[in-house]
Amino acid sequence: MNIEVDAKGTLKIESVNVSNISIKYYIINAELLFSRQPFLKDNTEGFSYVKAYHSLEHTMQKPDATEE
């Protein structure tokens, strides 16, 4: 699978034998997360679960399909 994001923010995904994908967006404040537990390698039970802000399901086009 190959994933690229161009300068306009368009996501381009190339894959083989993948018919559907799920794209999930997360809002994470990395500065706040790091300041709470800067080196969270041993104490993983203190790590918080982050729920997706938005989720999309997409059906992939076959290579011979024409773009609309």
PDB file of N, CA and C in Angstrom:
ATOM      1  N   MET A   1       0.852  -1.166   0.000  1.00  0.00           N
ATOM      2  CA  MET A   1       0.000   0.000   0.000  1.00  0.00           C
ATOM      3  C   MET A   1       0.902   1.234   0.000  1.00  0.00           C
ATOM      4  N   ASN A   2       0.542   2.211  -0.790  1.00  0.00           N
ATOM      5  CA  ASN A   2       1.277   3.463  -0.877  1.00  0.00           C
ATOM      6  C   ASN A   2       0.316   4.606  -0.568  1.00  0.00           C
ATOM      7  N   ILE A   3       0.693   5.474   0.369  1.00  0.00           N
ATOM      8  CA  ILE A   3      -0.154   6.591   0.778  1.00  0.00           C
ATOM      9  C   ILE A   3       0.637   7.880   0.633  1.00  0.00           C
ATOM     10  N   GLU A   4       0.047   8.874  -0.036  1.00  0.00           N
ATOM     11  CA  GLU A   4       0.683  10.179  -0.222  1.00  0.00           C
ATOM     12  C   GLU A   4      -0.333  11.283   0.061  1.00  0.00           C
ATOM     13  N   VAL A   5       0.165  12.415   0.526  1.00  0.00           N
ATOM     14  CA  VAL A   5      -0.658  13.618   0.701  1.00  0.00           C
ATOM     15  C   VAL A   5       0.014  14.715  -0.100  1.00  0.00           C
ATOM     16  N   ASP A   6      -0.731  15.330  -1.044  1.00  0.00           N
ATOM     17  CA  ASP A   6      -0.127  16.374  -1.877  1.00  0.00           C
ATOM     18  C   ASP A   6      -0.200  17.733  -1.173  1.00  0.00           C
ATOM     19  N   ALA A   7       0.291  18.770  -1.830  1.00  0.00           N
ATOM     20  CA  ALA A   7       0.349  20.114  -1.249  1.00  0.00           C
ATOM     21  C   ALA A   7      -1.032  20.677  -0.924  1.00  0.00           C
ATOM     22  N   LYS A   8      -2.066  20.217  -1.624  1.00  0.00           N
ATOM     23  CA  LYS A   8      -3.428  20.685  -1.371  1.00  0.00           C
ATOM     24  C   LYS A   8      -4.102  19.908  -0.243  1.00  0.00           C
ATOM     25  N   GLY A   9      -3.432  18.867   0.271  1.00  0.00           N
ATOM     26  CA  GLY A   9      -4.013  18.046   1.333  1.00  0.00           C
ATOM     27  C   GLY A   9      -4.823  16.878   0.820  1.00  0.00           C
ATOM     28  N   THR A  10      -4.726  16.591  -0.485  1.00  0.00           N
ATOM     29  CA  THR A  10      -5.454  15.466  -1.067  1.00  0.00           C
ATOM     30  C   THR A  10      -4.724  14.172  -0.727  1.00  0.00           C
ATOM     31  N   LEU A  11      -5.464  13.197  -0.236  1.00  0.00           N
ATOM     32  CA  LEU A  11      -4.915  11.908   0.141  1.00  0.00           C
ATOM     33  C   LEU A  11      -4.996  10.971  -1.062  1.00  0.00           C
ATOM     34  N   LYS A  12      -3.863  10.376  -1.458  1.00  0.00           N
ATOM     35  CA  LYS A  12      -3.820   9.438  -2.571  1.00  0.00           C
ATOM     36  C   LYS A  12      -3.362   8.096  -2.021  1.00  0.00           C
ATOM     37  N   ILE A  13      -4.197   7.068  -2.197  1.00  0.00           N
ATOM     38  CA  ILE A  13      -3.897   5.736  -1.689  1.00  0.00           C
ATOM     39  C   ILE A  13      -3.873   4.760  -2.853  1.00  0.00           C
ATOM     40  N   GLU A  14      -2.757   4.057  -3.011  1.00  0.00           N
ATOM     41  CA  GLU A  14      -2.633   3.002  -4.011  1.00  0.00           C
ATOM     42  C   GLU A  14      -2.497   1.681  -3.271  1.00  0.00           C
ATOM     43  N   SER A  15      -3.277   0.686  -3.692  1.00  0.00           N
ATOM     44  CA  SER A  15      -3.248  -0.596  -2.998  1.00  0.00           C
ATOM     45  C   SER A  15      -3.520  -1.737  -3.970  1.00  0.00           C
ATOM     46  N   VAL A  16      -3.282  -2.934  -3.497  1.00  0.00           N
ATOM     47  CA  VAL A  16      -3.552  -4.143  -4.264  1.00  0.00           C
ATOM     48  C   VAL A  16      -4.467  -5.022  -3.415  1.00  0.00           C
ATOM     49  N   ASN A  17      -5.548  -5.502  -4.015  1.00  0.00           N
ATOM     50  CA  ASN A  17      -6.489  -6.415  -3.360  1.00  0.00           C
ATOM     51  C   ASN A  17      -7.140  -5.825  -2.108  1.00  0.00           C
ATOM     52  N   VAL A  18      -7.364  -4.523  -2.117  1.00  0.00           N
ATOM     53  CA  VAL A  18      -8.085  -3.865  -1.024  1.00  0.00           C
ATOM     54  C   VAL A  18      -9.328  -3.238  -1.636  1.00  0.00           C
ATOM     55  N   SER A  19     -10.495  -3.652  -1.179  1.00  0.00           N
ATOM     56  CA  SER A  19     -11.723  -3.148  -1.780  1.00  0.00           C
ATOM     57  C   SER A  19     -12.336  -1.988  -0.997  1.00  0.00           C
ATOM     58  N   ASN A  20     -12.152  -1.965   0.317  1.00  0.00           N
ATOM     59  CA  ASN A  20     -12.709  -0.904   1.164  1.00  0.00           C
ATOM     60  C   ASN A  20     -11.668  -0.452   2.170  1.00  0.00           C
ATOM     61  N   ILE A  21     -11.712   0.833   2.505  1.00  0.00           N
ATOM     62  CA  ILE A  21     -10.823   1.361   3.541  1.00  0.00           C
ATOM     63  C   ILE A  21     -11.629   2.209   4.512  1.00  0.00           C
ATOM     64  N   SER A  22     -11.087   2.358   5.695  1.00  0.00           N
ATOM     65  CA  SER A  22     -11.665   3.228   6.711  1.00  0.00           C
ATOM     66  C   SER A  22     -10.610   4.272   7.047  1.00  0.00           C
ATOM     67  N   ILE A  23     -10.971   5.550   6.949  1.00  0.00           N
ATOM     68  CA  ILE A  23     -10.064   6.646   7.258  1.00  0.00           C
ATOM     69  C   ILE A  23     -10.574   7.308   8.531  1.00  0.00           C
ATOM     70  N   LYS A  24      -9.702   7.398   9.530  1.00  0.00           N
ATOM     71  CA  LYS A  24     -10.096   7.968  10.815  1.00  0.00           C
ATOM     72  C   LYS A  24      -9.230   9.178  11.117  1.00  0.00           C
ATOM     73  N   TYR A  25      -9.868  10.255  11.543  1.00  0.00           N
ATOM     74  CA  TYR A  25      -9.184  11.492  11.906  1.00  0.00           C
ATOM     75  C   TYR A  25      -9.176  11.635  13.423  1.00  0.00           C
ATOM     76  N   TYR A  26      -8.034  12.020  13.958  1.00  0.00           N
ATOM     77  CA  TYR A  26      -7.875  12.181  15.395  1.00  0.00           C
ATOM     78  C   TYR A  26      -7.375  13.586  15.709  1.00  0.00           C
ATOM     79  N   ILE A  27      -7.867  14.153  16.798  1.00  0.00           N
ATOM     80  CA  ILE A  27      -7.352  15.420  17.298  1.00  0.00           C
ATOM     81  C   ILE A  27      -6.560  15.071  18.556  1.00  0.00           C
ATOM     82  N   ILE A  28      -5.249  15.254  18.463  1.00  0.00           N
ATOM     83  CA  ILE A  28      -4.377  14.928  19.587  1.00  0.00           C
ATOM     84  C   ILE A  28      -3.458  16.117  19.851  1.00  0.00           C
ATOM     85  N   ASN A  29      -3.441  16.587  21.060  1.00  0.00           N
ATOM     86  CA  ASN A  29      -2.530  17.650  21.457  1.00  0.00           C
ATOM     87  C   ASN A  29      -1.252  16.973  21.951  1.00  0.00           C
ATOM     88  N   ALA A  30      -0.265  16.810  21.070  1.00  0.00           N
ATOM     89  CA  ALA A  30       0.964  16.099  21.405  1.00  0.00           C
ATOM     90  C   ALA A  30       1.722  16.774  22.537  1.00  0.00           C
ATOM     91  N   GLU A  31       1.701  18.091  22.601  1.00  0.00           N
ATOM     92  CA  GLU A  31       2.406  18.805  23.671  1.00  0.00           C
ATOM     93  C   GLU A  31       1.811  18.466  25.030  1.00  0.00           C
ATOM     94  N   LEU A  32       0.486  18.453  25.113  1.00  0.00           N
ATOM     95  CA  LEU A  32      -0.184  18.117  26.365  1.00  0.00           C
ATOM     96  C   LEU A  32       0.052  16.651  26.720  1.00  0.00           C
ATOM     97  N   LEU A  33      -0.036  15.772  25.755  1.00  0.00           N
ATOM     98  CA  LEU A  33       0.181  14.350  25.987  1.00  0.00           C
ATOM     99  C   LEU A  33       1.591  14.096  26.509  1.00  0.00           C
ATOM    100  N   PHE A  34       2.585  14.730  25.918  1.00  0.00           N
ATOM    101  CA  PHE A  34       3.974  14.532  26.332  1.00  0.00           C
ATOM    102  C   PHE A  34       4.250  15.156  27.695  1.00  0.00           C
ATOM    103  N   SER A  35       3.631  16.287  27.989  1.00  0.00           N
ATOM    104  CA  SER A  35       3.893  16.945  29.269  1.00  0.00           C
ATOM    105  C   SER A  35       3.298  16.168  30.441  1.00  0.00           C
ATOM    106  N   ARG A  36       2.255  15.377  30.202  1.00  0.00           N
ATOM    107  CA  ARG A  36       1.668  14.565  31.272  1.00  0.00           C
ATOM    108  C   ARG A  36       2.578  13.391  31.633  1.00  0.00           C
ATOM    109  N   GLN A  37       3.057  12.691  30.647  1.00  0.00           N
ATOM    110  CA  GLN A  37       3.918  11.522  30.836  1.00  0.00           C
ATOM    111  C   GLN A  37       5.006  11.549  29.773  1.00  0.00           C
ATOM    112  N   PRO A  38       6.103  12.249  29.997  1.00  0.00           N
ATOM    113  CA  PRO A  38       7.103  12.428  28.944  1.00  0.00           C
ATOM    114  C   PRO A  38       7.727  11.134  28.426  1.00  0.00           C
ATOM    115  N   PHE A  39       7.887  10.129  29.268  1.00  0.00           N
ATOM    116  CA  PHE A  39       8.528   8.888  28.816  1.00  0.00           C
ATOM    117  C   PHE A  39       7.661   7.706  29.233  1.00  0.00           C
ATOM    118  N   LEU A  40       6.591   7.511  28.531  1.00  0.00           N
ATOM    119  CA  LEU A  40       5.580   6.512  28.861  1.00  0.00           C
ATOM    120  C   LEU A  40       5.926   5.176  28.207  1.00  0.00           C
ATOM    121  N   LYS A  41       7.015   4.553  28.631  1.00  0.00           N
ATOM    122  CA  LYS A  41       7.348   3.253  28.056  1.00  0.00           C
ATOM    123  C   LYS A  41       7.061   2.121  29.031  1.00  0.00           C
ATOM    124  N   ASP A  42       7.176   2.361  30.321  1.00  0.00           N
ATOM    125  CA  ASP A  42       6.941   1.306  31.306  1.00  0.00           C
ATOM    126  C   ASP A  42       5.548   1.383  31.910  1.00  0.00           C
ATOM    127  N   ASN A  43       4.988   2.576  32.008  1.00  0.00           N
ATOM    128  CA  ASN A  43       3.704   2.789  32.673  1.00  0.00           C
ATOM    129  C   ASN A  43       2.596   2.965  31.631  1.00  0.00           C
ATOM    130  N   THR A  44       2.330   1.929  30.844  1.00  0.00           N
ATOM    131  CA  THR A  44       1.353   2.042  29.752  1.00  0.00           C
ATOM    132  C   THR A  44      -0.092   2.036  30.232  1.00  0.00           C
ATOM    133  N   GLU A  45      -0.372   1.610  31.458  1.00  0.00           N
ATOM    134  CA  GLU A  45      -1.759   1.641  31.947  1.00  0.00           C
ATOM    135  C   GLU A  45      -2.249   3.064  32.162  1.00  0.00           C
ATOM    136  N   GLY A  46      -1.342   4.033  32.255  1.00  0.00           N
ATOM    137  CA  GLY A  46      -1.720   5.433  32.408  1.00  0.00           C
ATOM    138  C   GLY A  46      -2.008   6.119  31.090  1.00  0.00           C
ATOM    139  N   PHE A  47      -1.839   5.396  29.985  1.00  0.00           N
ATOM    140  CA  PHE A  47      -2.058   5.975  28.666  1.00  0.00           C
ATOM    141  C   PHE A  47      -3.546   6.056  28.366  1.00  0.00           C
ATOM    142  N   SER A  48      -3.996   7.158  27.806  1.00  0.00           N
ATOM    143  CA  SER A  48      -5.415   7.374  27.528  1.00  0.00           C
ATOM    144  C   SER A  48      -5.800   6.850  26.154  1.00  0.00           C
ATOM    145  N   TYR A  49      -7.038   6.410  26.035  1.00  0.00           N
ATOM    146  CA  TYR A  49      -7.601   6.011  24.749  1.00  0.00           C
ATOM    147  C   TYR A  49      -8.085   7.261  24.032  1.00  0.00           C
ATOM    148  N   VAL A  50      -7.818   7.357  22.734  1.00  0.00           N
ATOM    149  CA  VAL A  50      -8.244   8.508  21.945  1.00  0.00           C
ATOM    150  C   VAL A  50      -9.274   8.025  20.929  1.00  0.00           C
ATOM    151  N   LYS A  51     -10.457   8.616  20.963  1.00  0.00           N
ATOM    152  CA  LYS A  51     -11.524   8.260  20.034  1.00  0.00           C
ATOM    153  C   LYS A  51     -11.381   9.095  18.766  1.00  0.00           C
ATOM    154  N   ALA A  52     -11.671   8.490  17.627  1.00  0.00           N
ATOM    155  CA  ALA A  52     -11.588   9.193  16.349  1.00  0.00           C
ATOM    156  C   ALA A  52     -12.564  10.370  16.334  1.00  0.00           C
ATOM    157  N   TYR A  53     -12.088  11.521  15.860  1.00  0.00           N
ATOM    158  CA  TYR A  53     -12.899  12.715  15.738  1.00  0.00           C
ATOM    159  C   TYR A  53     -13.910  12.548  14.598  1.00  0.00           C
ATOM    160  N   HIS A  54     -13.452  11.917  13.509  1.00  0.00           N
ATOM    161  CA  HIS A  54     -14.300  11.701  12.337  1.00  0.00           C
ATOM    162  C   HIS A  54     -13.824  10.442  11.627  1.00  0.00           C
ATOM    163  N   SER A  55     -14.742   9.687  11.060  1.00  0.00           N
ATOM    164  CA  SER A  55     -14.395   8.456  10.372  1.00  0.00           C
ATOM    165  C   SER A  55     -15.119   8.384   9.031  1.00  0.00           C
ATOM    166  N   LEU A  56     -14.406   7.944   8.005  1.00  0.00           N
ATOM    167  CA  LEU A  56     -14.976   7.793   6.667  1.00  0.00           C
ATOM    168  C   LEU A  56     -14.751   6.378   6.162  1.00  0.00           C
ATOM    169  N   GLU A  57     -15.731   5.825   5.493  1.00  0.00           N
ATOM    170  CA  GLU A  57     -15.591   4.542   4.808  1.00  0.00           C
ATOM    171  C   GLU A  57     -15.538   4.840   3.321  1.00  0.00           C
ATOM    172  N   HIS A  58     -14.640   4.188   2.604  1.00  0.00           N
ATOM    173  CA  HIS A  58     -14.475   4.464   1.179  1.00  0.00           C
ATOM    174  C   HIS A  58     -14.276   3.154   0.421  1.00  0.00           C
ATOM    175  N   THR A  59     -14.956   3.018  -0.723  1.00  0.00           N
ATOM    176  CA  THR A  59     -14.767   1.883  -1.609  1.00  0.00           C
ATOM    177  C   THR A  59     -13.717   2.248  -2.643  1.00  0.00           C
ATOM    178  N   MET A  60     -12.692   1.430  -2.751  1.00  0.00           N
ATOM    179  CA  MET A  60     -11.586   1.697  -3.664  1.00  0.00           C
ATOM    180  C   MET A  60     -12.020   1.442  -5.110  1.00  0.00           C
ATOM    181  N   GLN A  61     -11.439   2.204  -6.037  1.00  0.00           N
ATOM    182  CA  GLN A  61     -11.702   2.016  -7.467  1.00  0.00           C
ATOM    183  C   GLN A  61     -10.739   0.976  -8.014  1.00  0.00           C
ATOM    184  N   LYS A  62     -11.206   0.190  -8.959  1.00  0.00           N
ATOM    185  CA  LYS A  62     -10.324  -0.746  -9.647  1.00  0.00           C
ATOM    186  C   LYS A  62      -9.436   0.023 -10.610  1.00  0.00           C
ATOM    187  N   PRO A  63      -8.238  -0.463 -10.911  1.00  0.00           N
ATOM    188  CA  PRO A  63      -7.299   0.271 -11.785  1.00  0.00           C
ATOM    189  C   PRO A  63      -7.870   0.629 -13.151  1.00  0.00           C
ATOM    190  N   ASP A  64      -8.752  -0.207 -13.700  1.00  0.00           N
ATOM    191  CA  ASP A  64      -9.299   0.064 -15.015  1.00  0.00           C
ATOM    192  C   ASP A  64     -10.550   0.932 -14.963  1.00  0.00           C
ATOM    193  N   ALA A  65     -10.979   1.336 -13.752  1.00  0.00           N
ATOM    194  CA  ALA A  65     -12.165   2.181 -13.604  1.00  0.00           C
ATOM    195  C   ALA A  65     -11.815   3.615 -14.018  1.00  0.00           C
ATOM    196  N   THR A  66     -12.757   4.278 -14.638  1.00  0.00           N
ATOM    197  CA  THR A  66     -12.531   5.670 -15.040  1.00  0.00           C
ATOM    198  C   THR A  66     -12.933   6.587 -13.897  1.00  0.00           C
ATOM    199  N   GLU A  67     -12.184   7.664 -13.726  1.00  0.00           N
ATOM    200  CA  GLU A  67     -12.488   8.622 -12.659  1.00  0.00           C
ATOM    201  C   GLU A  67     -13.655   9.495 -13.101  1.00  0.00           C
ATOM    202  N   GLU A  68     -14.510   9.822 -12.131  1.00  0.00           N
ATOM    203  CA  GLU A  68     -15.679  10.660 -12.431  1.00  0.00           C
ATOM    204  C   GLU A  68     -15.410  12.093 -12.110  1.00  0.00           C
TER     205      GLU A  68
END
